[in-house]
C-alpha atoms as a PDB file:
ATOM      1  CA  MET A   1      10.244  -1.295  72.958  1.00  0.00           C
ATOM      2  CA  THR A   2       8.834   2.234  72.872  1.00  0.00           C
ATOM      3  CA  VAL A   3       5.166   2.761  71.871  1.00  0.00           C
ATOM      4  CA  THR A   4       3.521   6.103  71.148  1.00  0.00           C
ATOM      5  CA  CYS A   5      -0.092   6.935  70.298  1.00  0.00           C
ATOM      6  CA  ASN A   6      -0.756  10.030  68.229  1.00  0.00           C
ATOM      7  CA  GLY A   7       2.650  11.392  69.133  1.00  0.00           C
ATOM      8  CA  ARG A   8       2.647  10.818  72.911  1.00  0.00           C
ATOM      9  CA  PRO A   9       3.607   7.833  75.102  1.00  0.00           C
ATOM     10  CA  ALA A  10       0.806   5.264  74.832  1.00  0.00           C
ATOM     11  CA  GLN A  11      -1.458   4.791  77.836  1.00  0.00           C
ATOM     12  CA  VAL A  12      -3.632   1.798  78.714  1.00  0.00           C
ATOM     13  CA  GLU A  13      -6.755   3.595  77.538  1.00  0.00           C
ATOM     14  CA  ASP A  14      -5.096   4.138  74.147  1.00  0.00           C
ATOM     15  CA  LEU A  15      -4.305   0.458  73.724  1.00  0.00           C
ATOM     16  CA  LEU A  16      -7.562  -1.154  74.832  1.00  0.00           C
ATOM     17  CA  PRO A  17      -9.504  -0.193  71.656  1.00  0.00           C
ATOM     18  CA  ALA A  18      -6.818  -1.940  69.593  1.00  0.00           C
ATOM     19  CA  LEU A  19      -8.089  -5.239  71.035  1.00  0.00           C
ATOM     20  CA  VAL A  20     -11.098  -4.969  68.694  1.00  0.00           C
ATOM     21  CA  ASN A  21      -8.669  -6.386  66.098  1.00  0.00           C
ATOM     22  CA  TYR A  22      -9.812  -4.020  63.361  1.00  0.00           C
ATOM     23  CA  GLY A  23      -7.001  -2.019  61.860  1.00  0.00           C
ATOM     24  CA  HIS A  24      -3.961  -2.202  59.637  1.00  0.00           C
ATOM     25  CA  PHE A  25      -0.240  -1.588  59.842  1.00  0.00           C
ATOM     26  CA  THR A  26       3.083  -1.416  58.086  1.00  0.00           C
ATOM     27  CA  SER A  27       6.458  -2.630  59.332  1.00  0.00           C
ATOM     28  CA  LEU A  28       9.694  -1.037  58.227  1.00  0.00           C
ATOM     29  CA  GLN A  29      13.384  -0.838  58.941  1.00  0.00           C
ATOM     30  CA  VAL A  30      15.147   2.418  59.764  1.00  0.00           C
ATOM     31  CA  ARG A  31      18.854   2.960  59.283  1.00  0.00           C
ATOM     32  CA  GLY A  32      20.449   6.264  60.206  1.00  0.00           C
ATOM     33  CA  GLY A  33      16.973   7.753  60.558  1.00  0.00           C
ATOM     34  CA  ALA A  34      16.112   6.842  56.959  1.00  0.00           C
ATOM     35  CA  VAL A  35      13.784   4.330  55.291  1.00  0.00           C
ATOM     36  CA  GLN A  36      13.768   2.548  51.942  1.00  0.00           C
ATOM     37  CA  GLY A  37      10.490   2.888  50.084  1.00  0.00           C
ATOM     38  CA  LEU A  38       9.087   5.422  52.563  1.00  0.00           C
ATOM     39  CA  ASP A  39       6.566   6.633  49.989  1.00  0.00           C
ATOM     40  CA  LEU A  40       5.337   3.059  49.521  1.00  0.00           C
ATOM     41  CA  HIS A  41       4.778   2.582  53.256  1.00  0.00           C
ATOM     42  CA  LEU A  42       2.918   5.882  53.537  1.00  0.00           C
ATOM     43  CA  ALA A  43       0.772   5.076  50.499  1.00  0.00           C
ATOM     44  CA  ARG A  44      -0.074   1.644  51.960  1.00  0.00           C
ATOM     45  CA  LEU A  45      -1.261   3.238  55.195  1.00  0.00           C
ATOM     46  CA  SER A  46      -3.259   5.918  53.398  1.00  0.00           C
ATOM     47  CA  HIS A  47      -5.064   3.511  51.069  1.00  0.00           C
ATOM     48  CA  ALA A  48      -5.913   1.033  53.826  1.00  0.00           C
ATOM     49  CA  THR A  49      -7.196   3.794  56.122  1.00  0.00           C
ATOM     50  CA  ARG A  50      -9.503   4.983  53.373  1.00  0.00           C
ATOM     51  CA  GLU A  51     -10.807   1.472  52.726  1.00  0.00           C
ATOM     52  CA  LEU A  52     -11.238   0.337  56.346  1.00  0.00           C
ATOM     53  CA  PHE A  53     -12.374   3.565  57.991  1.00  0.00           C
ATOM     54  CA  GLY A  54     -13.487   5.933  55.240  1.00  0.00           C
ATOM     55  CA  SER A  55     -11.026   8.453  56.693  1.00  0.00           C
ATOM     56  CA  GLU A  56      -7.978  10.252  55.361  1.00  0.00           C
ATOM     57  CA  LEU A  57      -4.573  10.062  56.996  1.00  0.00           C
ATOM     58  CA  VAL A  58      -2.655  13.308  57.352  1.00  0.00           C
ATOM     59  CA  VAL A  59       0.576  11.933  55.936  1.00  0.00           C
ATOM     60  CA  ALA A  60       2.800  14.790  57.113  1.00  0.00           C
ATOM     61  CA  GLN A  61       1.532  14.339  60.689  1.00  0.00           C
ATOM     62  CA  LEU A  62       1.990  10.577  60.491  1.00  0.00           C
ATOM     63  CA  GLN A  63       5.551  10.956  59.298  1.00  0.00           C
ATOM     64  CA  ALA A  64       6.293  13.447  62.081  1.00  0.00           C
ATOM     65  CA  TRP A  65       4.974  10.974  64.657  1.00  0.00           C
ATOM     66  CA  MET A  66       7.229   8.265  63.235  1.00  0.00           C
ATOM     67  CA  ALA A  67      10.271  10.524  63.484  1.00  0.00           C
ATOM     68  CA  GLN A  68       9.254  11.606  67.000  1.00  0.00           C
ATOM     69  CA  ALA A  69       8.883   7.998  68.182  1.00  0.00           C
ATOM     70  CA  LEU A  70      12.337   7.197  66.874  1.00  0.00           C
ATOM     71  CA  GLN A  71      13.755  10.195  68.722  1.00  0.00           C
ATOM     72  CA  LEU A  72      11.993   9.243  71.973  1.00  0.00           C
ATOM     73  CA  ALA A  73      13.461   5.753  71.718  1.00  0.00           C
ATOM     74  CA  GLY A  74      16.933   7.238  71.224  1.00  0.00           C
ATOM     75  CA  LEU A  75      17.558   5.077  68.152  1.00  0.00           C
ATOM     76  CA  ALA A  76      18.789   5.907  64.662  1.00  0.00           C
ATOM     77  CA  ASP A  77      18.648   2.248  63.574  1.00  0.00           C
ATOM     78  CA  ALA A  78      15.404   0.492  64.462  1.00  0.00           C
ATOM     79  CA  SER A  79      12.368  -1.547  63.491  1.00  0.00           C
ATOM     80  CA  LEU A  80       9.140   0.446  63.305  1.00  0.00           C
ATOM     81  CA  ARG A  81       5.598  -0.877  63.285  1.00  0.00           C
ATOM     82  CA  VAL A  82       2.970   1.750  62.500  1.00  0.00           C
ATOM     83  CA  THR A  83      -0.561   0.583  63.345  1.00  0.00           C
ATOM     84  CA  VAL A  84      -3.680   2.517  62.350  1.00  0.00           C
ATOM     85  CA  TYR A  85      -6.873   1.832  64.314  1.00  0.00           C
ATOM     86  CA  SER A  86      -9.659   3.925  65.822  1.00  0.00           C
ATOM     87  CA  ARG A  87     -10.785   4.422  69.375  1.00  0.00           C
ATOM     88  CA  HIS A  88     -14.125   5.514  67.867  1.00  0.00           C
ATOM     89  CA  PHE A  89     -14.737   2.431  65.728  1.00  0.00           C
ATOM     90  CA  ASP A  90     -17.956   0.606  66.649  1.00  0.00           C
ATOM     91  CA  PHE A  91     -18.489  -2.827  65.122  1.00  0.00           C
ATOM     92  CA  ARG A  92     -22.238  -2.268  65.474  1.00  0.00           C
ATOM     93  CA  ASN A  93     -21.963   0.662  63.068  1.00  0.00           C
ATOM     94  CA  PRO A  94     -18.947  -0.144  60.909  1.00  0.00           C
ATOM     95  CA  LEU A  95     -19.964   2.228  58.092  1.00  0.00           C
ATOM     96  CA  ALA A  96     -19.521   5.287  60.292  1.00  0.00           C
ATOM     97  CA  VAL A  97     -16.621   7.454  59.139  1.00  0.00           C
ATOM     98  CA  VAL A  98     -14.387   7.806  62.197  1.00  0.00           C
ATOM     99  CA  PRO A  99     -11.098   9.533  62.961  1.00  0.00           C
ATOM    100  CA  VAL A 100      -8.170   7.178  63.298  1.00  0.00           C
ATOM    101  CA  ASP A 101      -5.385   6.761  65.834  1.00  0.00           C
ATOM    102  CA  VAL A 102      -1.783   5.834  65.145  1.00  0.00           C
ATOM    103  CA  LEU A 103       0.437   3.596  67.263  1.00  0.00           C
ATOM    104  CA  VAL A 104       4.161   3.662  66.509  1.00  0.00           C
ATOM    105  CA  ALA A 105       6.200   0.881  68.115  1.00  0.00           C
ATOM    106  CA  VAL A 106       9.985   1.189  68.012  1.00  0.00           C
ATOM    107  CA  SER A 107      12.237  -1.793  68.666  1.00  0.00           C
ATOM    108  CA  SER A 108      15.697  -3.051  67.780  1.00  0.00           C
ATOM    109  CA  PRO A 109      16.609  -3.324  64.087  1.00  0.00           C
ATOM    110  CA  VAL A 110      16.498  -6.694  62.349  1.00  0.00           C
ATOM    111  CA  THR A 111      17.804  -8.068  59.072  1.00  0.00           C
ATOM    112  CA  LEU A 112      16.464 -11.359  57.729  1.00  0.00           C
ATOM    113  CA  ALA A 113      18.892 -13.276  55.535  1.00  0.00           C
ATOM    114  CA  ALA A 114      19.053 -16.957  56.592  1.00  0.00           C
ATOM    115  CA  PRO A 115      17.875 -19.427  53.909  1.00  0.00           C
ATOM    116  CA  LYS A 116      14.680 -21.373  54.559  1.00  0.00           C
ATOM    117  CA  ARG A 117      12.848 -24.506  53.508  1.00  0.00           C
ATOM    118  CA  VAL A 118       9.104 -24.014  53.118  1.00  0.00           C
ATOM    119  CA  CYS A 119       6.016 -26.085  52.481  1.00  0.00           C
ATOM    120  CA  SER A 120       2.881 -25.105  50.622  1.00  0.00           C
ATOM    121  CA  VAL A 121      -0.633 -25.007  52.038  1.00  0.00           C
ATOM    122  CA  ALA A 122      -3.930 -24.071  50.424  1.00  0.00           C
ATOM    123  CA  TRP A 123      -4.889 -20.971  52.392  1.00  0.00           C
ATOM    124  CA  GLN A 124      -5.459 -17.265  51.787  1.00  0.00           C
ATOM    125  CA  ARG A 125      -5.605 -14.272  54.095  1.00  0.00           C
ATOM    126  CA  GLU A 126      -8.792 -12.246  54.359  1.00  0.00           C
ATOM    127  CA  LEU A 127      -8.538  -9.093  52.225  1.00  0.00           C
ATOM    128  CA  PRO A 128      -5.053 -10.150  51.094  1.00  0.00           C
ATOM    129  CA  HIS A 129      -4.294  -6.755  49.525  1.00  0.00           C
ATOM    130  CA  ILE A 130      -4.413  -5.074  52.970  1.00  0.00           C
ATOM    131  CA  LYS A 131      -1.759  -5.497  55.667  1.00  0.00           C
ATOM    132  CA  HIS A 132      -4.407  -5.812  58.359  1.00  0.00           C
ATOM    133  CA  VAL A 133      -4.038  -6.886  61.981  1.00  0.00           C
ATOM    134  CA  GLY A 134      -5.917 -10.173  61.499  1.00  0.00           C
ATOM    135  CA  THR A 135      -2.813 -12.374  61.672  1.00  0.00           C
ATOM    136  CA  PHE A 136      -4.116 -15.404  63.601  1.00  0.00           C
ATOM    137  CA  GLY A 137      -4.555 -17.684  60.585  1.00  0.00           C
ATOM    138  CA  LEU A 138      -1.224 -17.025  58.947  1.00  0.00           C
ATOM    139  CA  PHE A 139       0.712 -17.505  62.186  1.00  0.00           C
ATOM    140  CA  ALA A 140      -1.206 -20.721  62.902  1.00  0.00           C
ATOM    141  CA  GLU A 141      -0.292 -22.031  59.440  1.00  0.00           C
ATOM    142  CA  ARG A 142       3.322 -21.046  59.951  1.00  0.00           C
ATOM    143  CA  ARG A 143       3.378 -22.842  63.313  1.00  0.00           C
ATOM    144  CA  ALA A 144       1.932 -25.986  61.722  1.00  0.00           C
ATOM    145  CA  ALA A 145       4.606 -25.901  59.003  1.00  0.00           C
ATOM    146  CA  MET A 146       7.353 -25.577  61.589  1.00  0.00           C
ATOM    147  CA  ALA A 147       5.891 -28.464  63.570  1.00  0.00           C
ATOM    148  CA  ASP A 148       6.265 -30.550  60.391  1.00  0.00           C
ATOM    149  CA  GLY A 149       9.964 -29.683  60.155  1.00  0.00           C
ATOM    150  CA  PHE A 150       9.831 -26.732  57.747  1.00  0.00           C
ATOM    151  CA  ASP A 151      10.969 -23.166  58.374  1.00  0.00           C
ATOM    152  CA  ASP A 152       7.904 -21.403  57.023  1.00  0.00           C
ATOM    153  CA  VAL A 153       4.804 -21.715  54.865  1.00  0.00           C
ATOM    154  CA  LEU A 154       3.895 -20.712  51.299  1.00  0.00           C
ATOM    155  CA  PHE A 155       0.214 -20.041  50.616  1.00  0.00           C
ATOM    156  CA  VAL A 156      -1.396 -21.319  47.424  1.00  0.00           C
ATOM    157  CA  THR A 157      -4.909 -20.877  46.115  1.00  0.00           C
ATOM    158  CA  ALA A 158      -7.475 -23.671  46.001  1.00  0.00           C
ATOM    159  CA  ASP A 159      -6.432 -24.128  42.358  1.00  0.00           C
ATOM    160  CA  GLY A 160      -2.787 -24.619  43.317  1.00  0.00           C
ATOM    161  CA  GLU A 161      -1.539 -21.180  42.293  1.00  0.00           C
ATOM    162  CA  MET A 162       1.340 -19.822  44.383  1.00  0.00           C
ATOM    163  CA  GLY A 163       0.658 -16.517  46.138  1.00  0.00           C
ATOM    164  CA  GLU A 164       2.711 -15.353  49.117  1.00  0.00           C
ATOM    165  CA  GLY A 165       4.425 -16.558  52.251  1.00  0.00           C
ATOM    166  CA  SER A 166       3.315 -16.022  55.813  1.00  0.00           C
ATOM    167  CA  THR A 167       4.900 -12.571  56.047  1.00  0.00           C
ATOM    168  CA  TRP A 168       6.785 -12.314  52.773  1.00  0.00           C
ATOM    169  CA  ASN A 169       6.570 -12.144  49.001  1.00  0.00           C
ATOM    170  CA  LEU A 170       7.879 -14.798  46.658  1.00  0.00           C
ATOM    171  CA  ALA A 171      10.115 -14.494  43.604  1.00  0.00           C
ATOM    172  CA  LEU A 172      11.089 -17.451  41.394  1.00  0.00           C
ATOM    173  CA  HIS A 173      13.597 -17.814  38.573  1.00  0.00           C
ATOM    174  CA  ASP A 174      13.244 -20.240  35.685  1.00  0.00           C
ATOM    175  CA  GLY A 175      16.775 -19.744  34.356  1.00  0.00           C
ATOM    176  CA  GLU A 176      15.705 -16.926  32.059  1.00  0.00           C
ATOM    177  CA  ARG A 177      13.415 -14.567  33.961  1.00  0.00           C
ATOM    178  CA  LEU A 178      12.521 -13.508  37.453  1.00  0.00           C
ATOM    179  CA  LEU A 179       8.890 -14.499  38.033  1.00  0.00           C
ATOM    180  CA  TRP A 180       6.401 -12.947  40.448  1.00  0.00           C
ATOM    181  CA  PRO A 181       3.132 -14.702  41.378  1.00  0.00           C
ATOM    182  CA  GLN A 182      -0.065 -13.049  40.194  1.00  0.00           C
ATOM    183  CA  ALA A 183      -2.364 -14.660  42.769  1.00  0.00           C
ATOM    184  CA  PRO A 184      -4.059 -12.397  45.347  1.00  0.00           C
ATOM    185  CA  ALA A 185      -1.485 -11.328  47.939  1.00  0.00           C
ATOM    186  CA  LEU A 186      -0.190  -8.383  49.887  1.00  0.00           C
ATOM    187  CA  ARG A 187       2.125  -6.605  47.494  1.00  0.00           C
ATOM    188  CA  GLY A 188       5.070  -5.689  49.695  1.00  0.00           C
ATOM    189  CA  THR A 189       7.378  -2.705  49.593  1.00  0.00           C
ATOM    190  CA  ALA A 190      10.481  -4.837  48.997  1.00  0.00           C
ATOM    191  CA  GLU A 191       8.739  -6.548  46.087  1.00  0.00           C
ATOM    192  CA  ALA A 192       7.829  -3.168  44.596  1.00  0.00           C
ATOM    193  CA  LEU A 193      11.409  -1.893  44.888  1.00  0.00           C
ATOM    194  CA  LEU A 194      12.844  -5.060  43.356  1.00  0.00           C
ATOM    195  CA  LYS A 195      10.388  -4.903  40.456  1.00  0.00           C
ATOM    196  CA  GLN A 196      11.388  -1.304  39.855  1.00  0.00           C
ATOM    197  CA  HIS A 197      15.162  -1.859  39.975  1.00  0.00           C
ATOM    198  CA  TRP A 198      15.723  -5.470  38.829  1.00  0.00           C
ATOM    199  CA  PRO A 199      18.253  -5.344  35.956  1.00  0.00           C
ATOM    200  CA  GLY A 200      17.159  -8.459  34.080  1.00  0.00           C
ATOM    201  CA  PRO A 201      13.968  -9.750  32.458  1.00  0.00           C
ATOM    202  CA  GLN A 202      11.006 -10.351  34.761  1.00  0.00           C
ATOM    203  CA  ALA A 203       7.313 -11.108  34.534  1.00  0.00           C
ATOM    204  CA  THR A 204       4.247 -11.276  36.768  1.00  0.00           C
ATOM    205  CA  ARG A 205       1.935 -14.142  35.889  1.00  0.00           C
ATOM    206  CA  PRO A 206      -0.041 -17.047  37.367  1.00  0.00           C
ATOM    207  CA  LEU A 207       2.448 -19.543  38.797  1.00  0.00           C
ATOM    208  CA  ALA A 208       1.123 -23.014  39.511  1.00  0.00           C
ATOM    209  CA  LEU A 209       2.705 -25.151  42.183  1.00  0.00           C
ATOM    210  CA  ALA A 210       2.942 -27.846  39.508  1.00  0.00           C
ATOM    211  CA  GLU A 211       5.493 -25.647  37.672  1.00  0.00           C
ATOM    212  CA  LEU A 212       8.132 -26.053  40.384  1.00  0.00           C
ATOM    213  CA  GLY A 213       9.943 -28.617  38.225  1.00  0.00           C
ATOM    214  CA  GLY A 214      11.009 -25.789  35.924  1.00  0.00           C
ATOM    215  CA  VAL A 215      12.091 -23.447  38.712  1.00  0.00           C
ATOM    216  CA  LYS A 216      15.832 -23.076  39.321  1.00  0.00           C
ATOM    217  CA  ALA A 217      15.892 -20.658  42.247  1.00  0.00           C
ATOM    218  CA  ALA A 218      13.678 -18.633  44.553  1.00  0.00           C
ATOM    219  CA  PHE A 219      13.847 -16.042  47.277  1.00  0.00           C
ATOM    220  CA  ALA A 220      11.537 -14.479  49.825  1.00  0.00           C
ATOM    221  CA  CYS A 221      11.504 -10.784  50.660  1.00  0.00           C
ATOM    222  CA  ASN A 222       9.901  -8.230  52.922  1.00  0.00           C
ATOM    223  CA  ALA A 223      10.904  -4.910  54.463  1.00  0.00           C
ATOM    224  CA  SER A 224      13.182  -6.738  56.919  1.00  0.00           C
ATOM    225  CA  GLY A 225      15.325  -8.433  54.303  1.00  0.00           C
ATOM    226  CA  LEU A 226      15.668 -10.970  51.529  1.00  0.00           C
ATOM    227  CA  TRP A 227      16.549 -14.655  51.919  1.00  0.00           C
ATOM    228  CA  ALA A 228      17.046 -17.720  49.748  1.00  0.00           C
ATOM    229  CA  LEU A 229      14.461 -20.480  49.598  1.00  0.00           C
ATOM    230  CA  ASP A 230      16.509 -23.672  49.520  1.00  0.00           C
ATOM    231  CA  ALA A 231      13.473 -25.863  48.871  1.00  0.00           C
ATOM    232  CA  ILE A 232       9.706 -25.696  48.375  1.00  0.00           C
ATOM    233  CA  ASP A 233       7.806 -28.879  49.279  1.00  0.00           C
ATOM    234  CA  GLY A 234      11.060 -30.804  49.150  1.00  0.00           C
ATOM    235  CA  HIS A 235      11.893 -29.548  45.631  1.00  0.00           C
ATOM    236  CA  ALA A 236      15.514 -28.397  45.939  1.00  0.00           C
ATOM    237  CA  LEU A 237      16.425 -25.017  44.471  1.00  0.00           C
ATOM    238  CA  PRO A 238      20.244 -25.021  44.199  1.00  0.00           C
ATOM    239  CA  GLY A 239      20.454 -21.588  42.559  1.00  0.00           C
ATOM    240  CA  SER A 240      18.612 -19.754  45.307  1.00  0.00           C
ATOM    241  CA  GLN A 241      21.603 -18.468  47.237  1.00  0.00           C
ATOM    242  CA  ALA A 242      23.100 -16.805  44.163  1.00  0.00           C
ATOM    243  CA  LEU A 243      19.715 -15.336  43.241  1.00  0.00           C
ATOM    244  CA  ALA A 244      19.260 -14.004  46.784  1.00  0.00           C
ATOM    245  CA  GLU A 245      22.689 -12.376  46.687  1.00  0.00           C
ATOM    246  CA  GLN A 246      21.716 -10.662  43.444  1.00  0.00           C
ATOM    247  CA  GLY A 247      18.477  -9.489  45.016  1.00  0.00           C
ATOM    248  CA  ARG A 248      20.261  -8.101  48.066  1.00  0.00           C
ATOM    249  CA  ALA A 249      22.687  -6.230  45.803  1.00  0.00           C
ATOM    250  CA  VAL A 250      19.747  -4.658  43.966  1.00  0.00           C
ATOM    251  CA  LEU A 251      18.119  -3.551  47.229  1.00  0.00           C
ATOM    252  CA  ALA A 252      21.433  -2.245  48.589  1.00  0.00           C
ATOM    253  CA  ALA A 253      21.527   0.271  45.737  1.00  0.00           C
ATOM    254  CA  VAL A 254      18.021   1.617  46.439  1.00  0.00           C
ATOM    255  CA  PRO A 255      18.146   5.072  48.076  1.00  0.00           C
ATOM    256  CA  TRP A 256      16.900   5.737  51.603  1.00  0.00           C
ATOM    257  CA  ARG A 257      14.779   8.729  52.669  1.00  0.00           C
ATOM    258  CA  GLY A 258      15.003  10.427  56.043  1.00  0.00           C
ATOM    259  CA  LEU A 259      11.875  10.334  58.184  1.00  0.00           C
ATOM    260  CA  GLY A 260      12.178  14.075  58.690  1.00  0.00           C
ATOM    261  CA  SER A 261      12.190  14.788  54.939  1.00  0.00           C
ATOM    262  CA  ASP A 262       9.403  15.668  52.545  1.00  0.00           C
ATOM    263  CA  PRO A 263       8.031  12.305  51.318  1.00  0.00           C
ATOM    264  CA  LEU A 264       8.191  13.630  47.758  1.00  0.00           C
ATOM    265  CA  SER A 265      11.776  14.901  48.008  1.00  0.00           C
ATOM    266  CA  PRO A 266      14.713  13.018  46.435  1.00  0.00           C
ATOM    267  CA  ALA A 267      15.972  10.090  48.488  1.00  0.00           C
ATOM    268  CA  LYS A 268      19.539   9.631  49.631  1.00  0.00           C
ATOM    269  CA  GLY A 269      21.983   6.769  49.615  1.00  0.00           C
ATOM    270  CA  ILE A 270      22.996   5.126  52.859  1.00  0.00           C
END
């Protein structure tokens, strides 16, 4: 793995402030130096920086650092994690507007596609609309689910409304429409692209766990891929593999944008 901070190889003094555990990030896949939904990732980072630090990201500089990190790693296909934090943040004065720092970690590319069986748990991330670095709870819940023989965990509200998975978004199909949960969750880039390009009817609405009896299929998605959910809480979903294949075909047709390009310029196929 290669890690840079503000465009240069990260040093120990750069990394120590990140231990404060106050910051946010986005994870993305790069293929041939290009990214799907690049504008969505950049917008996520900009909005979260404004909310958590009161600062503005210089998007062009951020994008240049991402491209530079990829070049330093010598990879055209890779996984990137871009973390925004601040070496000047002081928890004793959290309202202070501070400049931010950017870590870019480059590692081998991944594609998630294997089907999974998940269980539900009543739990919700803090500030669920932000992809923040406070991941302890969700990983602990995922570990507990795996200890019980499942592959992952699906979070539901205290009222039993389905929201999101540990690191993924959920889509269900009732035989007529693709359904997206309305409960508070991190709205992912893959979800946004699928909503934009899905060819059939779809809706976003409250989805109670009690409605699983009417669900025919489901898939999970994030920037690393899309995979079938074979079962939720033991409720078998026999149509999930076909639905996942349809979802992957939709994403395969979404254009990719080079990291060295203008974020507002037309994307390219890959």
